[in-house]
Amino acid sequence: MSSATASRIASITVTYNPDPGRLSEQIRALRGQVDRILVVDNGSQAPVGDMLAADPGGPSIELIGLAENRGVASAFNIGVRRARERGAQFVLLLDHDSIPTPGMVTALRAAYERCAQSPGAPPVAAVGPRVNDVRDHREYPFIRMGWTHNRHLRCGADGAQALACDFIISSGTLIPLESFSSVGEFDESLFIDSVDLEWCCRARSRGLALYGVCAARLDHWLGDQRRRVLGNLRLVVHSPQRVYYMTRNRLLLYRRSYVPLKWKLKDVLRVVGKFAATMLLIAPRGEYARMTARAIRDALAQRGGKLTGGDA
C-alpha cells in the first residue's frame, strides 16, 4: 500500500444480481488500492460467493450475504459497521457496476488530507471522484446548487484540483468513519434512490464540506439503459419500479428542512418534465403512470422503505 492509503481503507460494494465479469473487474481494480474488500449482497439470486472465489489473492475479501434485498442504504450501513469492527478509518462506497481506475483511491485520500488540513477549512464529510459513464463516454460534473440553476463544476486540463460541491454520488465516495458520528448513517427509509443526495444535504446542513477530486476517476454505469427517441434525443430510461422510488423519495425530501429550498424548487420542474417525457415517449406508459401514482400516495402518507406487494 502507498503512504496515501496507509490509514486502513475498506471498500464496501453493494451487490444485487451483479454481472460476474464486471464484479470481477472491480475486485481486480481494487487490489493494491484498499486494505479490505467488503461485499454486502442484497439477496441476489446469482451466486456472488462463487464470483468472488474466482478471484483469489489481493486484499482480504469478506462477503456479507443478506437473506433479502434490504436496499442500498441498509447495505451501506451494514458495511460501514463491519468496516468499523475491522479497524478501518475510511470506507470507499461502490456499486457493483463501478470500476475504480488505477490510483483513484490514492488520489482521493491525498485530496482528503489536503482539504482537511487547509487552514480554517470546515470538517470534510467525504470526497468523490470524477464519474465517467463508459457506455456513452459522458463525464458527469460535480454540482453546486443555485437558485436559478445548478453550477456544473468541471475539471481543468491539469486534473489536480479538488472542487467544493454540494453533492457527490455514493459510488466511489471516500468517507472517514468519523463523519458518520457527525452526519449519521444513510437513511434506510429511502431504500435505493436519492440516498446519497439526502446524506450530502444532511452533511452540508451540519457544516461539513464535500469535495470532488479531479485526479480521481471512476468508470460507472448510470441509469438502466439509454434509449434514442425523436431522432437524436437520448433519454436515460429506468424501470417502472425504479421510477416509483425516484418519485416517492424526492417527494419525501421536499418535506425535510435541511434539504435546500433551492434544490426543491428546481427539482419539482425536473420531476414534472421527466414524468411528461416518460408518459409520452416510453412504454409501458400505463405501468409508469401506475407506479408514479402509487409513489405520490406513499409520499403523502410519509411511507418509506421497500416497495411491497406484487409490484416489488
C-alpha atoms as a PDB file:
ATOM      1  CA  MET A   1       0.000   0.000   0.000  1.00  0.00           C
ATOM      2  CA  SER A   2       1.218   3.515  -0.724  1.00  0.00           C
ATOM      3  CA  SER A   3       1.550   6.047   2.076  1.00  0.00           C
ATOM      4  CA  ALA A   4      -1.613   7.807   0.882  1.00  0.00           C
ATOM      5  CA  THR A   5      -3.676   4.674   1.547  1.00  0.00           C
ATOM      6  CA  ALA A   6      -1.885   3.515   4.714  1.00  0.00           C
ATOM      7  CA  SER A   7      -4.742   4.501   7.037  1.00  0.00           C
ATOM      8  CA  ARG A   8      -6.785   1.318   6.660  1.00  0.00           C
ATOM      9  CA  ILE A   9      -9.329   1.796   3.920  1.00  0.00           C
ATOM     10  CA  ALA A  10     -12.130  -0.710   3.460  1.00  0.00           C
ATOM     11  CA  SER A  11     -14.186  -0.754   0.296  1.00  0.00           C
ATOM     12  CA  ILE A  12     -17.890  -1.584   0.558  1.00  0.00           C
ATOM     13  CA  THR A  13     -19.514  -2.955  -2.577  1.00  0.00           C
ATOM     14  CA  VAL A  14     -23.282  -3.435  -2.589  1.00  0.00           C
ATOM     15  CA  THR A  15     -24.363  -6.184  -4.988  1.00  0.00           C
ATOM     16  CA  TYR A  16     -27.730  -7.247  -6.322  1.00  0.00           C
ATOM     17  CA  ASN A  17     -27.622  -9.824  -9.134  1.00  0.00           C
ATOM     18  CA  PRO A  18     -24.329  -8.397 -10.411  1.00  0.00           C
ATOM     19  CA  ASP A  19     -22.720  -9.097 -13.752  1.00  0.00           C
ATOM     20  CA  PRO A  20     -19.950 -11.613 -12.926  1.00  0.00           C
ATOM     21  CA  GLY A  21     -17.453 -10.147 -15.369  1.00  0.00           C
ATOM     22  CA  ARG A  22     -17.897  -6.596 -14.183  1.00  0.00           C
ATOM     23  CA  LEU A  23     -17.750  -7.548 -10.495  1.00  0.00           C
ATOM     24  CA  SER A  24     -14.554  -9.482 -11.153  1.00  0.00           C
ATOM     25  CA  GLU A  25     -13.102  -6.457 -12.936  1.00  0.00           C
ATOM     26  CA  GLN A  26     -13.945  -4.274  -9.940  1.00  0.00           C
ATOM     27  CA  ILE A  27     -12.262  -6.657  -7.495  1.00  0.00           C
ATOM     28  CA  ARG A  28      -9.111  -6.702  -9.617  1.00  0.00           C
ATOM     29  CA  ALA A  29      -9.156  -2.894  -9.802  1.00  0.00           C
ATOM     30  CA  LEU A  30      -9.347  -2.629  -6.003  1.00  0.00           C
ATOM     31  CA  ARG A  31      -6.246  -4.728  -5.430  1.00  0.00           C
ATOM     32  CA  GLY A  32      -3.437  -2.566  -4.167  1.00  0.00           C
ATOM     33  CA  GLN A  33      -5.817   0.352  -3.562  1.00  0.00           C
ATOM     34  CA  VAL A  34      -7.638  -0.738  -0.382  1.00  0.00           C
ATOM     35  CA  ASP A  35      -6.778  -2.861   2.645  1.00  0.00           C
ATOM     36  CA  ARG A  36     -10.011  -4.830   2.851  1.00  0.00           C
ATOM     37  CA  ILE A  37     -12.856  -5.526   0.454  1.00  0.00           C
ATOM     38  CA  LEU A  38     -16.336  -5.909   1.927  1.00  0.00           C
ATOM     39  CA  VAL A  39     -19.133  -7.113  -0.327  1.00  0.00           C
ATOM     40  CA  VAL A  40     -22.684  -6.743   1.011  1.00  0.00           C
ATOM     41  CA  ASP A  41     -25.043  -8.794  -1.133  1.00  0.00           C
ATOM     42  CA  ASN A  42     -28.717  -7.819  -1.143  1.00  0.00           C
ATOM     43  CA  GLY A  43     -30.216 -11.267  -1.553  1.00  0.00           C
ATOM     44  CA  SER A  44     -29.001 -11.927  -5.099  1.00  0.00           C
ATOM     45  CA  GLN A  45     -30.218 -14.970  -6.964  1.00  0.00           C
ATOM     46  CA  ALA A  46     -26.790 -15.138  -8.557  1.00  0.00           C
ATOM     47  CA  PRO A  47     -24.052 -16.972  -6.566  1.00  0.00           C
ATOM     48  CA  VAL A  48     -21.995 -13.942  -5.559  1.00  0.00           C
ATOM     49  CA  GLY A  49     -19.767 -16.056  -3.310  1.00  0.00           C
ATOM     50  CA  ASP A  50     -18.710 -18.154  -6.309  1.00  0.00           C
ATOM     51  CA  MET A  51     -17.933 -14.997  -8.273  1.00  0.00           C
ATOM     52  CA  LEU A  52     -15.651 -13.740  -5.520  1.00  0.00           C
ATOM     53  CA  ALA A  53     -13.969 -17.123  -5.098  1.00  0.00           C
ATOM     54  CA  ALA A  54     -12.965 -16.968  -8.746  1.00  0.00           C
ATOM     55  CA  ASP A  55     -10.650 -14.039  -7.935  1.00  0.00           C
ATOM     56  CA  PRO A  56      -8.284 -15.190  -5.168  1.00  0.00           C
ATOM     57  CA  GLY A  57      -5.386 -13.097  -3.921  1.00  0.00           C
ATOM     58  CA  GLY A  58      -5.096  -9.427  -3.120  1.00  0.00           C
ATOM     59  CA  PRO A  59      -6.625  -7.867  -0.012  1.00  0.00           C
ATOM     60  CA  SER A  60      -8.960  -9.752   2.257  1.00  0.00           C
ATOM     61  CA  ILE A  61     -12.443 -10.166   0.751  1.00  0.00           C
ATOM     62  CA  GLU A  62     -15.396 -10.611   3.083  1.00  0.00           C
ATOM     63  CA  LEU A  63     -18.898 -11.399   1.864  1.00  0.00           C
ATOM     64  CA  ILE A  64     -21.876 -10.353   3.970  1.00  0.00           C
ATOM     65  CA  GLY A  65     -24.877 -12.126   2.493  1.00  0.00           C
ATOM     66  CA  LEU A  66     -28.340 -10.777   3.280  1.00  0.00           C
ATOM     67  CA  ALA A  67     -31.386 -13.019   3.022  1.00  0.00           C
ATOM     68  CA  GLU A  68     -33.377 -10.377   1.131  1.00  0.00           C
ATOM     69  CA  ASN A  69     -32.945  -7.103  -0.711  1.00  0.00           C
ATOM     70  CA  ARG A  70     -32.772  -4.543   2.094  1.00  0.00           C
ATOM     71  CA  GLY A  71     -31.835  -1.647  -0.148  1.00  0.00           C
ATOM     72  CA  VAL A  72     -28.683   0.315  -0.854  1.00  0.00           C
ATOM     73  CA  ALA A  73     -28.856   2.464   2.296  1.00  0.00           C
ATOM     74  CA  SER A  74     -29.188  -0.510   4.635  1.00  0.00           C
ATOM     75  CA  ALA A  75     -26.439  -2.436   2.863  1.00  0.00           C
ATOM     76  CA  PHE A  76     -24.038   0.510   3.074  1.00  0.00           C
ATOM     77  CA  ASN A  77     -24.822   0.911   6.777  1.00  0.00           C
ATOM     78  CA  ILE A  78     -24.127  -2.769   7.403  1.00  0.00           C
ATOM     79  CA  GLY A  79     -20.841  -2.446   5.543  1.00  0.00           C
ATOM     80  CA  VAL A  80     -19.844   0.675   7.475  1.00  0.00           C
ATOM     81  CA  ARG A  81     -20.474  -1.067  10.800  1.00  0.00           C
ATOM     82  CA  ARG A  82     -18.419  -4.085   9.733  1.00  0.00           C
ATOM     83  CA  ALA A  83     -15.606  -1.840   8.475  1.00  0.00           C
ATOM     84  CA  ARG A  84     -15.513  -0.154  11.880  1.00  0.00           C
ATOM     85  CA  GLU A  85     -15.319  -3.561  13.587  1.00  0.00           C
ATOM     86  CA  ARG A  86     -12.393  -4.450  11.316  1.00  0.00           C
ATOM     87  CA  GLY A  87     -10.481  -1.314  12.345  1.00  0.00           C
ATOM     88  CA  ALA A  88     -10.925   0.745   9.179  1.00  0.00           C
ATOM     89  CA  GLN A  89     -10.579   4.516   9.294  1.00  0.00           C
ATOM     90  CA  PHE A  90     -12.094   5.186   5.859  1.00  0.00           C
ATOM     91  CA  VAL A  91     -14.701   3.475   3.708  1.00  0.00           C
ATOM     92  CA  LEU A  92     -14.904   3.551  -0.070  1.00  0.00           C
ATOM     93  CA  LEU A  93     -18.502   3.075  -1.253  1.00  0.00           C
ATOM     94  CA  LEU A  94     -19.137   1.246  -4.532  1.00  0.00           C
ATOM     95  CA  ASP A  95     -21.989  -0.070  -6.633  1.00  0.00           C
ATOM     96  CA  HIS A  96     -21.337  -3.437  -8.258  1.00  0.00           C
ATOM     97  CA  ASP A  97     -21.141  -1.823 -11.698  1.00  0.00           C
ATOM     98  CA  SER A  98     -18.400   0.695 -10.852  1.00  0.00           C
ATOM     99  CA  ILE A  99     -14.727   0.264 -11.740  1.00  0.00           C
ATOM    100  CA  PRO A 100     -12.079   2.345  -9.926  1.00  0.00           C
ATOM    101  CA  THR A 101      -9.309   3.447 -12.254  1.00  0.00           C
ATOM    102  CA  PRO A 102      -5.656   2.953 -11.237  1.00  0.00           C
ATOM    103  CA  GLY A 103      -4.625   5.319  -8.453  1.00  0.00           C
ATOM    104  CA  MET A 104      -8.183   6.514  -7.750  1.00  0.00           C
ATOM    105  CA  VAL A 105      -8.120   5.752  -4.028  1.00  0.00           C
ATOM    106  CA  THR A 106      -4.662   7.250  -3.565  1.00  0.00           C
ATOM    107  CA  ALA A 107      -5.861  10.468  -5.225  1.00  0.00           C
ATOM    108  CA  LEU A 108      -8.997  10.589  -3.055  1.00  0.00           C
ATOM    109  CA  ARG A 109      -7.027  10.000   0.129  1.00  0.00           C
ATOM    110  CA  ALA A 110      -4.440  12.657  -0.726  1.00  0.00           C
ATOM    111  CA  ALA A 111      -7.140  15.195  -1.612  1.00  0.00           C
ATOM    112  CA  TYR A 112      -8.946  14.494   1.643  1.00  0.00           C
ATOM    113  CA  GLU A 113      -5.777  15.238   3.611  1.00  0.00           C
ATOM    114  CA  ARG A 114      -5.135  18.483   1.723  1.00  0.00           C
ATOM    115  CA  CYS A 115      -8.686  19.720   2.201  1.00  0.00           C
ATOM    116  CA  ALA A 116      -8.952  18.643   5.846  1.00  0.00           C
ATOM    117  CA  GLN A 117      -5.654  20.320   6.746  1.00  0.00           C
ATOM    118  CA  SER A 118      -6.320  23.580   4.931  1.00  0.00           C
ATOM    119  CA  PRO A 119      -6.286  26.469   7.470  1.00  0.00           C
ATOM    120  CA  GLY A 120      -9.795  27.469   8.504  1.00  0.00           C
ATOM    121  CA  ALA A 121     -11.415  24.729   6.417  1.00  0.00           C
ATOM    122  CA  PRO A 122     -14.573  23.032   7.723  1.00  0.00           C
ATOM    123  CA  PRO A 123     -14.503  19.305   8.538  1.00  0.00           C
ATOM    124  CA  VAL A 124     -14.605  17.160   5.406  1.00  0.00           C
ATOM    125  CA  ALA A 125     -17.550  14.771   5.209  1.00  0.00           C
ATOM    126  CA  ALA A 126     -16.466  12.985   2.035  1.00  0.00           C
ATOM    127  CA  VAL A 127     -14.565  13.237  -1.225  1.00  0.00           C
ATOM    128  CA  GLY A 128     -15.602  11.735  -4.540  1.00  0.00           C
ATOM    129  CA  PRO A 129     -14.076  11.045  -7.964  1.00  0.00           C
ATOM    130  CA  ARG A 130     -14.883  12.215 -11.470  1.00  0.00           C
ATOM    131  CA  VAL A 131     -17.545   9.832 -12.782  1.00  0.00           C
ATOM    132  CA  ASN A 132     -17.492   8.672 -16.375  1.00  0.00           C
ATOM    133  CA  ASP A 133     -20.315   6.622 -17.888  1.00  0.00           C
ATOM    134  CA  VAL A 134     -18.415   4.185 -20.080  1.00  0.00           C
ATOM    135  CA  ARG A 135     -21.423   3.461 -22.308  1.00  0.00           C
ATOM    136  CA  ASP A 136     -21.511   6.893 -23.887  1.00  0.00           C
ATOM    137  CA  HIS A 137     -18.217   8.346 -22.533  1.00  0.00           C
ATOM    138  CA  ARG A 138     -20.139  11.052 -20.725  1.00  0.00           C
ATOM    139  CA  GLU A 139     -18.465  12.622 -17.721  1.00  0.00           C
ATOM    140  CA  TYR A 140     -20.791  13.862 -15.006  1.00  0.00           C
ATOM    141  CA  PRO A 141     -19.922  17.200 -13.383  1.00  0.00           C
ATOM    142  CA  PHE A 142     -19.740  17.993  -9.710  1.00  0.00           C
ATOM    143  CA  ILE A 143     -22.732  20.012  -8.520  1.00  0.00           C
ATOM    144  CA  ARG A 144     -23.034  23.262  -6.600  1.00  0.00           C
ATOM    145  CA  MET A 145     -26.665  24.159  -6.009  1.00  0.00           C
ATOM    146  CA  GLY A 146     -28.043  27.531  -7.064  1.00  0.00           C
ATOM    147  CA  TRP A 147     -31.420  29.261  -7.099  1.00  0.00           C
ATOM    148  CA  THR A 148     -31.929  29.548 -10.852  1.00  0.00           C
ATOM    149  CA  HIS A 149     -29.643  26.758 -11.962  1.00  0.00           C
ATOM    150  CA  ASN A 150     -27.106  24.367 -10.539  1.00  0.00           C
ATOM    151  CA  ARG A 151     -23.480  25.118 -11.328  1.00  0.00           C
ATOM    152  CA  HIS A 152     -21.807  22.250 -13.141  1.00  0.00           C
ATOM    153  CA  LEU A 153     -18.217  22.172 -11.944  1.00  0.00           C
ATOM    154  CA  ARG A 154     -15.849  20.578 -14.417  1.00  0.00           C
ATOM    155  CA  CYS A 155     -12.200  19.813 -14.038  1.00  0.00           C
ATOM    156  CA  GLY A 156      -9.442  21.660 -15.841  1.00  0.00           C
ATOM    157  CA  ALA A 157      -6.839  20.098 -18.070  1.00  0.00           C
ATOM    158  CA  ASP A 158      -4.385  19.555 -15.202  1.00  0.00           C
ATOM    159  CA  GLY A 159      -6.904  17.419 -13.272  1.00  0.00           C
ATOM    160  CA  ALA A 160      -5.224  18.286  -9.989  1.00  0.00           C
ATOM    161  CA  GLN A 161      -7.729  20.396  -8.073  1.00  0.00           C
ATOM    162  CA  ALA A 162     -10.413  19.488  -5.547  1.00  0.00           C
ATOM    163  CA  LEU A 163     -13.713  21.288  -6.085  1.00  0.00           C
ATOM    164  CA  ALA A 164     -16.008  22.194  -3.175  1.00  0.00           C
ATOM    165  CA  CYS A 165     -19.501  20.987  -4.097  1.00  0.00           C
ATOM    166  CA  ASP A 166     -22.899  20.186  -2.609  1.00  0.00           C
ATOM    167  CA  PHE A 167     -23.425  16.676  -3.938  1.00  0.00           C
ATOM    168  CA  ILE A 168     -21.365  13.637  -4.932  1.00  0.00           C
ATOM    169  CA  ILE A 169     -22.800  10.281  -5.947  1.00  0.00           C
ATOM    170  CA  SER A 170     -22.272   7.451  -3.489  1.00  0.00           C
ATOM    171  CA  SER A 171     -20.292   5.124  -5.752  1.00  0.00           C
ATOM    172  CA  GLY A 172     -16.616   5.982  -5.500  1.00  0.00           C
ATOM    173  CA  THR A 173     -17.048   8.188  -2.447  1.00  0.00           C
ATOM    174  CA  LEU A 174     -14.355   8.021   0.237  1.00  0.00           C
ATOM    175  CA  ILE A 175     -15.701   8.783   3.720  1.00  0.00           C
ATOM    176  CA  PRO A 176     -13.783   8.939   7.008  1.00  0.00           C
ATOM    177  CA  LEU A 177     -15.669   6.903   9.573  1.00  0.00           C
ATOM    178  CA  GLU A 178     -15.689   9.870  11.938  1.00  0.00           C
ATOM    179  CA  SER A 179     -18.067  11.624   9.508  1.00  0.00           C
ATOM    180  CA  PHE A 180     -20.846   9.228  10.474  1.00  0.00           C
ATOM    181  CA  SER A 181     -20.623  10.483  14.059  1.00  0.00           C
ATOM    182  CA  SER A 182     -21.465  13.997  12.842  1.00  0.00           C
ATOM    183  CA  VAL A 183     -23.823  13.209   9.970  1.00  0.00           C
ATOM    184  CA  GLY A 184     -25.352   9.868  10.907  1.00  0.00           C
ATOM    185  CA  GLU A 185     -25.889   6.748   8.816  1.00  0.00           C
ATOM    186  CA  PHE A 186     -27.642   6.548   5.465  1.00  0.00           C
ATOM    187  CA  ASP A 187     -31.434   6.880   5.561  1.00  0.00           C
ATOM    188  CA  GLU A 188     -32.819   3.366   5.151  1.00  0.00           C
ATOM    189  CA  SER A 189     -36.370   4.626   4.605  1.00  0.00           C
ATOM    190  CA  LEU A 190     -35.274   5.787   1.130  1.00  0.00           C
ATOM    191  CA  PHE A 191     -34.225   2.225   0.248  1.00  0.00           C
ATOM    192  CA  ILE A 192     -32.423   2.938  -3.027  1.00  0.00           C
ATOM    193  CA  ASP A 193     -32.859   6.303  -4.729  1.00  0.00           C
ATOM    194  CA  SER A 194     -31.614   9.719  -3.504  1.00  0.00           C
ATOM    195  CA  VAL A 195     -29.773   8.026  -0.633  1.00  0.00           C
ATOM    196  CA  ASP A 196     -26.563   9.870  -1.495  1.00  0.00           C
ATOM    197  CA  LEU A 197     -28.361  13.183  -2.096  1.00  0.00           C
ATOM    198  CA  GLU A 198     -30.065  13.057   1.313  1.00  0.00           C
ATOM    199  CA  TRP A 199     -26.819  12.237   3.133  1.00  0.00           C
ATOM    200  CA  CYS A 200     -24.943  15.019   1.325  1.00  0.00           C
ATOM    201  CA  CYS A 201     -27.655  17.554   2.205  1.00  0.00           C
ATOM    202  CA  ARG A 202     -27.529  16.455   5.830  1.00  0.00           C
ATOM    203  CA  ALA A 203     -23.743  16.774   5.891  1.00  0.00           C
ATOM    204  CA  ARG A 204     -23.805  20.243   4.342  1.00  0.00           C
ATOM    205  CA  SER A 205     -26.540  21.397   6.751  1.00  0.00           C
ATOM    206  CA  ARG A 206     -24.262  20.460   9.651  1.00  0.00           C
ATOM    207  CA  GLY A 207     -21.338  22.483   8.366  1.00  0.00           C
ATOM    208  CA  LEU A 208     -19.297  19.705   6.769  1.00  0.00           C
ATOM    209  CA  ALA A 209     -17.695  20.029   3.340  1.00  0.00           C
ATOM    210  CA  LEU A 210     -17.802  17.819   0.242  1.00  0.00           C
ATOM    211  CA  TYR A 211     -15.164  17.820  -2.468  1.00  0.00           C
ATOM    212  CA  GLY A 212     -14.953  16.443  -5.971  1.00  0.00           C
ATOM    213  CA  VAL A 213     -11.446  15.252  -6.777  1.00  0.00           C
ATOM    214  CA  CYS A 214     -10.332  15.821 -10.345  1.00  0.00           C
ATOM    215  CA  ALA A 215      -7.331  13.491 -10.166  1.00  0.00           C
ATOM    216  CA  ALA A 216      -9.565  10.533  -9.211  1.00  0.00           C
ATOM    217  CA  ARG A 217     -11.654   8.785 -11.862  1.00  0.00           C
ATOM    218  CA  LEU A 218     -14.399   6.165 -11.681  1.00  0.00           C
ATOM    219  CA  ASP A 219     -15.942   4.244 -14.557  1.00  0.00           C
ATOM    220  CA  HIS A 220     -19.623   3.764 -13.812  1.00  0.00           C
ATOM    221  CA  TRP A 221     -22.967   2.812 -15.334  1.00  0.00           C
ATOM    222  CA  LEU A 222     -25.667   5.400 -14.601  1.00  0.00           C
ATOM    223  CA  GLY A 223     -29.310   4.583 -15.331  1.00  0.00           C
ATOM    224  CA  ASP A 224     -30.822   1.335 -16.517  1.00  0.00           C
ATOM    225  CA  GLN A 225     -30.426   1.980 -20.233  1.00  0.00           C
ATOM    226  CA  ARG A 226     -30.133   4.664 -22.885  1.00  0.00           C
ATOM    227  CA  ARG A 227     -32.926   4.962 -25.439  1.00  0.00           C
ATOM    228  CA  ARG A 228     -32.979   7.155 -28.515  1.00  0.00           C
ATOM    229  CA  VAL A 229     -36.316   8.896 -29.140  1.00  0.00           C
ATOM    230  CA  LEU A 230     -37.462  11.615 -31.521  1.00  0.00           C
ATOM    231  CA  GLY A 231     -34.390  11.374 -33.709  1.00  0.00           C
ATOM    232  CA  ASN A 232     -31.246  12.225 -31.753  1.00  0.00           C
ATOM    233  CA  LEU A 233     -32.860  12.790 -28.338  1.00  0.00           C
ATOM    234  CA  ARG A 234     -31.461  10.273 -25.831  1.00  0.00           C
ATOM    235  CA  LEU A 235     -33.203   9.504 -22.548  1.00  0.00           C
ATOM    236  CA  VAL A 236     -31.943   7.591 -19.519  1.00  0.00           C
ATOM    237  CA  VAL A 237     -34.681   5.015 -19.022  1.00  0.00           C
ATOM    238  CA  HIS A 238     -35.419   3.388 -15.673  1.00  0.00           C
ATOM    239  CA  SER A 239     -37.777   0.542 -14.830  1.00  0.00           C
ATOM    240  CA  PRO A 240     -41.275   1.429 -13.530  1.00  0.00           C
ATOM    241  CA  GLN A 241     -40.242   0.228 -10.059  1.00  0.00           C
ATOM    242  CA  ARG A 242     -37.194   2.482 -10.065  1.00  0.00           C
ATOM    243  CA  VAL A 243     -39.370   5.414 -11.166  1.00  0.00           C
ATOM    244  CA  TYR A 244     -41.518   4.687  -8.107  1.00  0.00           C
ATOM    245  CA  TYR A 245     -38.533   5.121  -5.786  1.00  0.00           C
ATOM    246  CA  MET A 246     -37.235   8.163  -7.642  1.00  0.00           C
ATOM    247  CA  THR A 247     -40.601   9.921  -7.435  1.00  0.00           C
ATOM    248  CA  ARG A 248     -41.532   8.908  -3.892  1.00  0.00           C
ATOM    249  CA  ASN A 249     -38.158   9.742  -2.389  1.00  0.00           C
ATOM    250  CA  ARG A 250     -37.976  13.157  -3.992  1.00  0.00           C
ATOM    251  CA  LEU A 251     -41.407  13.995  -2.626  1.00  0.00           C
ATOM    252  CA  LEU A 252     -40.300  12.797   0.799  1.00  0.00           C
ATOM    253  CA  LEU A 253     -37.224  15.032   0.649  1.00  0.00           C
ATOM    254  CA  TYR A 254     -39.330  18.077  -0.201  1.00  0.00           C
ATOM    255  CA  ARG A 255     -40.656  17.962   3.377  1.00  0.00           C
ATOM    256  CA  ARG A 256     -37.242  17.907   5.053  1.00  0.00           C
ATOM    257  CA  SER A 257     -35.990  21.248   6.325  1.00  0.00           C
ATOM    258  CA  TYR A 258     -32.296  20.532   5.838  1.00  0.00           C
ATOM    259  CA  VAL A 259     -32.723  19.828   2.133  1.00  0.00           C
ATOM    260  CA  PRO A 260     -32.064  23.195   0.399  1.00  0.00           C
ATOM    261  CA  LEU A 261     -35.087  25.062  -0.905  1.00  0.00           C
ATOM    262  CA  LYS A 262     -33.069  25.987  -3.996  1.00  0.00           C
ATOM    263  CA  TRP A 263     -32.903  22.279  -4.879  1.00  0.00           C
ATOM    264  CA  LYS A 264     -36.581  21.639  -4.156  1.00  0.00           C
ATOM    265  CA  LEU A 265     -37.830  24.441  -6.405  1.00  0.00           C
ATOM    266  CA  LYS A 266     -35.829  23.241  -9.391  1.00  0.00           C
ATOM    267  CA  ASP A 267     -36.470  19.572  -8.776  1.00  0.00           C
ATOM    268  CA  VAL A 268     -40.249  19.982  -8.910  1.00  0.00           C
ATOM    269  CA  LEU A 269     -39.871  21.107 -12.512  1.00  0.00           C
ATOM    270  CA  ARG A 270     -37.473  18.267 -13.213  1.00  0.00           C
ATOM    271  CA  VAL A 271     -39.867  15.647 -11.842  1.00  0.00           C
ATOM    272  CA  VAL A 272     -42.780  17.030 -13.864  1.00  0.00           C
ATOM    273  CA  GLY A 273     -40.655  17.120 -17.025  1.00  0.00           C
ATOM    274  CA  LYS A 274     -39.357  13.600 -16.508  1.00  0.00           C
ATOM    275  CA  PHE A 275     -42.881  12.289 -15.915  1.00  0.00           C
ATOM    276  CA  ALA A 276     -44.213  14.011 -19.057  1.00  0.00           C
ATOM    277  CA  ALA A 277     -41.379  12.639 -21.199  1.00  0.00           C
ATOM    278  CA  THR A 278     -41.877   9.137 -19.859  1.00  0.00           C
ATOM    279  CA  MET A 279     -45.642   9.187 -20.384  1.00  0.00           C
ATOM    280  CA  LEU A 280     -45.294  10.474 -23.937  1.00  0.00           C
ATOM    281  CA  LEU A 281     -42.261   8.564 -25.170  1.00  0.00           C
ATOM    282  CA  ILE A 282     -41.584   5.398 -23.150  1.00  0.00           C
ATOM    283  CA  ALA A 283     -43.556   2.158 -22.924  1.00  0.00           C
ATOM    284  CA  PRO A 284     -45.208   0.672 -20.905  1.00  0.00           C
ATOM    285  CA  ARG A 285     -46.948   4.002 -20.257  1.00  0.00           C
ATOM    286  CA  GLY A 286     -49.705   2.536 -18.108  1.00  0.00           C
ATOM    287  CA  GLU A 287     -47.245   0.879 -15.741  1.00  0.00           C
ATOM    288  CA  TYR A 288     -45.207   4.062 -15.404  1.00  0.00           C
ATOM    289  CA  ALA A 289     -48.385   6.008 -14.614  1.00  0.00           C
ATOM    290  CA  ARG A 290     -49.476   3.431 -12.039  1.00  0.00           C
ATOM    291  CA  MET A 291     -46.093   3.420 -10.292  1.00  0.00           C
ATOM    292  CA  THR A 292     -45.969   7.205 -10.256  1.00  0.00           C
ATOM    293  CA  ALA A 293     -49.447   7.414  -8.747  1.00  0.00           C
ATOM    294  CA  ARG A 294     -48.505   4.930  -6.047  1.00  0.00           C
ATOM    295  CA  ALA A 295     -45.321   6.898  -5.332  1.00  0.00           C
ATOM    296  CA  ILE A 296     -47.356  10.052  -4.786  1.00  0.00           C
ATOM    297  CA  ARG A 297     -49.780   8.258  -2.469  1.00  0.00           C
ATOM    298  CA  ASP A 298     -46.989   6.731  -0.402  1.00  0.00           C
ATOM    299  CA  ALA A 299     -45.096  10.026  -0.175  1.00  0.00           C
ATOM    300  CA  LEU A 300     -48.206  11.850   1.028  1.00  0.00           C
ATOM    301  CA  ALA A 301     -48.633   9.150   3.672  1.00  0.00           C
ATOM    302  CA  GLN A 302     -44.930   9.507   4.609  1.00  0.00           C
ATOM    303  CA  ARG A 303     -44.450   5.828   3.782  1.00  0.00           C
ATOM    304  CA  GLY A 304     -40.866   4.837   3.023  1.00  0.00           C
ATOM    305  CA  GLY A 305     -38.969   1.585   2.805  1.00  0.00           C
ATOM    306  CA  LYS A 306     -39.198  -1.198   0.247  1.00  0.00           C
ATOM    307  CA  LEU A 307     -41.962  -1.303  -2.342  1.00  0.00           C
ATOM    308  CA  THR A 308     -44.150  -4.187  -1.190  1.00  0.00           C
ATOM    309  CA  GLY A 309     -46.741  -6.448  -2.706  1.00  0.00           C
ATOM    310  CA  GLY A 310     -46.852  -7.671  -6.291  1.00  0.00           C
ATOM    311  CA  ASP A 311     -45.056  -4.548  -7.536  1.00  0.00           C
ATOM    312  CA  ALA A 312     -41.809  -5.250  -5.648  1.00  0.00           C
END
